[in-house]
Amino acid sequence: MKRLGTIFIKNLKEYRKKCGFTQAQLAEKVKVTPNYIGMLEIKKTITETVIQTVREAFEENIKRCSPKSK
């Protein structure tokens, strides 16, 4: 879980911006505070529950939000 959390947090800001969400908009969808989203983006900690909820928030736009192929 720790490695997954690290990878997830590393990409969170990029996905959020590609989906057109502000921290406040994403926080509302995930049911956390905007400050919590900000903390995640500066590589604090994340729970499996929050990872799942964020994934669901992005799910409807998954193709548009996917990182560019390398």
N, C-alpha and C. Protein backbone atom coordinates (compact mmCIF):
# COMPACT_ATOMS: atom_id res chain seq x y z
N MET A 1 0.83 -1.20 0.00
CA MET A 1 0.00 0.00 0.00
C MET A 1 0.86 1.25 0.00
N LYS A 2 1.98 1.23 0.72
CA LYS A 2 2.81 2.42 0.80
C LYS A 2 3.31 2.84 -0.58
N ARG A 3 3.76 1.86 -1.40
CA ARG A 3 4.25 2.17 -2.75
C ARG A 3 3.11 2.70 -3.62
N LEU A 4 1.95 2.08 -3.56
CA LEU A 4 0.79 2.54 -4.32
C LEU A 4 0.44 3.97 -3.93
N GLY A 5 0.44 4.24 -2.65
CA GLY A 5 0.14 5.59 -2.17
C GLY A 5 1.13 6.61 -2.69
N THR A 6 2.41 6.26 -2.70
CA THR A 6 3.45 7.15 -3.20
C THR A 6 3.25 7.45 -4.68
N ILE A 7 2.97 6.42 -5.46
CA ILE A 7 2.73 6.59 -6.90
C ILE A 7 1.47 7.44 -7.13
N PHE A 8 0.44 7.14 -6.39
CA PHE A 8 -0.82 7.87 -6.53
C PHE A 8 -0.64 9.34 -6.23
N ILE A 9 0.00 9.65 -5.13
CA ILE A 9 0.19 11.03 -4.73
C ILE A 9 1.05 11.77 -5.75
N LYS A 10 2.05 11.09 -6.29
CA LYS A 10 2.93 11.70 -7.29
C LYS A 10 2.13 12.20 -8.50
N ASN A 11 1.08 11.48 -8.87
CA ASN A 11 0.30 11.80 -10.06
C ASN A 11 -0.98 12.58 -9.78
N LEU A 12 -1.35 12.75 -8.52
CA LEU A 12 -2.63 13.34 -8.18
C LEU A 12 -2.83 14.73 -8.78
N LYS A 13 -1.88 15.63 -8.60
CA LYS A 13 -2.03 17.00 -9.09
C LYS A 13 -2.17 17.02 -10.61
N GLU A 14 -1.37 16.21 -11.29
CA GLU A 14 -1.44 16.16 -12.76
C GLU A 14 -2.82 15.71 -13.22
N TYR A 15 -3.33 14.63 -12.64
CA TYR A 15 -4.67 14.14 -13.00
C TYR A 15 -5.73 15.18 -12.69
N ARG A 16 -5.62 15.79 -11.52
CA ARG A 16 -6.62 16.79 -11.10
C ARG A 16 -6.69 17.92 -12.12
N LYS A 17 -5.53 18.43 -12.51
CA LYS A 17 -5.51 19.53 -13.47
C LYS A 17 -6.00 19.10 -14.84
N LYS A 18 -5.62 17.92 -15.30
CA LYS A 18 -6.07 17.43 -16.60
C LYS A 18 -7.58 17.26 -16.63
N CYS A 19 -8.17 16.94 -15.50
CA CYS A 19 -9.62 16.78 -15.42
C CYS A 19 -10.33 18.11 -15.20
N GLY A 20 -9.56 19.16 -15.00
CA GLY A 20 -10.15 20.48 -14.83
C GLY A 20 -10.72 20.74 -13.45
N PHE A 21 -10.28 19.97 -12.45
CA PHE A 21 -10.76 20.17 -11.09
C PHE A 21 -9.84 21.11 -10.32
N THR A 22 -10.42 22.00 -9.54
CA THR A 22 -9.64 22.73 -8.55
C THR A 22 -9.49 21.80 -7.35
N GLN A 23 -8.64 22.17 -6.42
CA GLN A 23 -8.53 21.37 -5.19
C GLN A 23 -9.87 21.34 -4.47
N ALA A 24 -10.57 22.45 -4.46
CA ALA A 24 -11.87 22.51 -3.78
C ALA A 24 -12.89 21.61 -4.45
N GLN A 25 -12.92 21.60 -5.78
CA GLN A 25 -13.87 20.74 -6.50
C GLN A 25 -13.59 19.27 -6.26
N LEU A 26 -12.32 18.89 -6.32
CA LEU A 26 -11.97 17.50 -6.06
C LEU A 26 -12.28 17.14 -4.61
N ALA A 27 -11.97 18.02 -3.70
CA ALA A 27 -12.24 17.77 -2.28
C ALA A 27 -13.73 17.52 -2.05
N GLU A 28 -14.57 18.30 -2.72
CA GLU A 28 -16.01 18.11 -2.57
C GLU A 28 -16.44 16.73 -3.06
N LYS A 29 -15.90 16.30 -4.20
CA LYS A 29 -16.24 14.99 -4.74
C LYS A 29 -15.74 13.85 -3.84
N VAL A 30 -14.58 14.06 -3.21
CA VAL A 30 -13.96 13.03 -2.38
C VAL A 30 -14.46 13.09 -0.93
N LYS A 31 -15.14 14.19 -0.60
CA LYS A 31 -15.66 14.41 0.75
C LYS A 31 -14.54 14.58 1.78
N VAL A 32 -13.56 15.39 1.38
CA VAL A 32 -12.48 15.81 2.28
C VAL A 32 -12.35 17.33 2.13
N THR A 33 -11.47 17.94 2.88
CA THR A 33 -11.28 19.39 2.76
C THR A 33 -10.29 19.70 1.65
N PRO A 34 -10.39 20.91 1.08
CA PRO A 34 -9.39 21.33 0.09
C PRO A 34 -7.97 21.30 0.67
N ASN A 35 -7.84 21.61 1.96
CA ASN A 35 -6.52 21.54 2.60
C ASN A 35 -5.96 20.13 2.56
N TYR A 36 -6.81 19.13 2.72
CA TYR A 36 -6.36 17.74 2.67
C TYR A 36 -5.83 17.40 1.28
N ILE A 37 -6.54 17.84 0.23
CA ILE A 37 -6.07 17.60 -1.13
C ILE A 37 -4.72 18.28 -1.32
N GLY A 38 -4.58 19.49 -0.83
CA GLY A 38 -3.29 20.19 -0.91
C GLY A 38 -2.19 19.43 -0.20
N MET A 39 -2.50 18.89 0.97
CA MET A 39 -1.50 18.10 1.71
C MET A 39 -1.11 16.86 0.92
N LEU A 40 -2.08 16.21 0.28
CA LEU A 40 -1.77 15.03 -0.52
C LEU A 40 -0.81 15.40 -1.66
N GLU A 41 -1.07 16.54 -2.28
CA GLU A 41 -0.27 16.95 -3.42
C GLU A 41 1.16 17.32 -3.05
N ILE A 42 1.41 17.58 -1.79
CA ILE A 42 2.80 17.83 -1.38
C ILE A 42 3.38 16.61 -0.67
N LYS A 43 2.83 15.46 -1.05
CA LYS A 43 3.37 14.16 -0.67
C LYS A 43 3.31 13.86 0.82
N LYS A 44 2.14 14.07 1.39
CA LYS A 44 1.94 13.65 2.77
C LYS A 44 1.52 12.18 2.76
N THR A 45 0.41 11.87 3.34
CA THR A 45 -0.02 10.48 3.42
C THR A 45 -1.41 10.33 2.81
N ILE A 46 -1.78 9.10 2.49
CA ILE A 46 -3.09 8.85 1.89
C ILE A 46 -3.58 7.48 2.33
N THR A 47 -4.89 7.36 2.50
CA THR A 47 -5.46 6.07 2.88
C THR A 47 -6.02 5.37 1.64
N GLU A 48 -6.19 4.08 1.75
CA GLU A 48 -6.75 3.30 0.65
C GLU A 48 -8.17 3.79 0.32
N THR A 49 -8.91 4.17 1.34
CA THR A 49 -10.27 4.67 1.13
C THR A 49 -10.26 5.94 0.29
N VAL A 50 -9.34 6.85 0.58
CA VAL A 50 -9.27 8.09 -0.19
C VAL A 50 -8.81 7.79 -1.62
N ILE A 51 -7.87 6.88 -1.79
CA ILE A 51 -7.45 6.50 -3.15
C ILE A 51 -8.67 6.03 -3.94
N GLN A 52 -9.48 5.17 -3.36
CA GLN A 52 -10.67 4.65 -4.04
C GLN A 52 -11.65 5.76 -4.37
N THR A 53 -11.88 6.66 -3.44
CA THR A 53 -12.83 7.74 -3.65
C THR A 53 -12.34 8.71 -4.73
N VAL A 54 -11.05 9.02 -4.74
CA VAL A 54 -10.49 9.89 -5.78
C VAL A 54 -10.60 9.20 -7.14
N ARG A 55 -10.31 7.91 -7.18
CA ARG A 55 -10.42 7.16 -8.43
C ARG A 55 -11.85 7.26 -8.97
N GLU A 56 -12.81 7.11 -8.11
CA GLU A 56 -14.21 7.21 -8.53
C GLU A 56 -14.54 8.62 -9.03
N ALA A 57 -13.96 9.64 -8.41
CA ALA A 57 -14.20 11.02 -8.84
C ALA A 57 -13.67 11.25 -10.25
N PHE A 58 -12.55 10.60 -10.59
CA PHE A 58 -11.96 10.75 -11.91
C PHE A 58 -12.56 9.79 -12.94
N GLU A 59 -13.22 8.75 -12.49
CA GLU A 59 -13.66 7.66 -13.36
C GLU A 59 -14.45 8.13 -14.58
N GLU A 60 -15.35 9.07 -14.42
CA GLU A 60 -16.18 9.50 -15.53
C GLU A 60 -15.37 10.18 -16.64
N ASN A 61 -14.19 10.66 -16.32
CA ASN A 61 -13.35 11.34 -17.30
C ASN A 61 -12.03 10.62 -17.52
N ILE A 62 -11.98 9.33 -17.28
CA ILE A 62 -10.72 8.60 -17.22
C ILE A 62 -9.90 8.72 -18.50
N LYS A 63 -10.52 8.66 -19.67
CA LYS A 63 -9.75 8.76 -20.91
C LYS A 63 -9.15 10.15 -21.07
N ARG A 64 -9.93 11.17 -20.78
CA ARG A 64 -9.45 12.55 -20.91
C ARG A 64 -8.37 12.84 -19.87
N CYS A 65 -8.43 12.19 -18.72
CA CYS A 65 -7.50 12.49 -17.64
C CYS A 65 -6.25 11.62 -17.66
N SER A 66 -6.20 10.62 -18.51
CA SER A 66 -5.06 9.72 -18.54
C SER A 66 -3.81 10.47 -18.95
N PRO A 67 -2.66 10.12 -18.31
CA PRO A 67 -1.41 10.78 -18.70
C PRO A 67 -1.06 10.41 -20.14
N LYS A 68 -0.30 11.28 -20.79
CA LYS A 68 0.11 11.03 -22.16
C LYS A 68 0.97 9.78 -22.23
N SER A 69 0.82 9.05 -23.33
CA SER A 69 1.64 7.86 -23.54
C SER A 69 3.09 8.30 -23.70
N LYS A 70 3.97 7.48 -23.13
CA LYS A 70 5.40 7.81 -23.23
C LYS A 70 6.06 6.94 -24.24
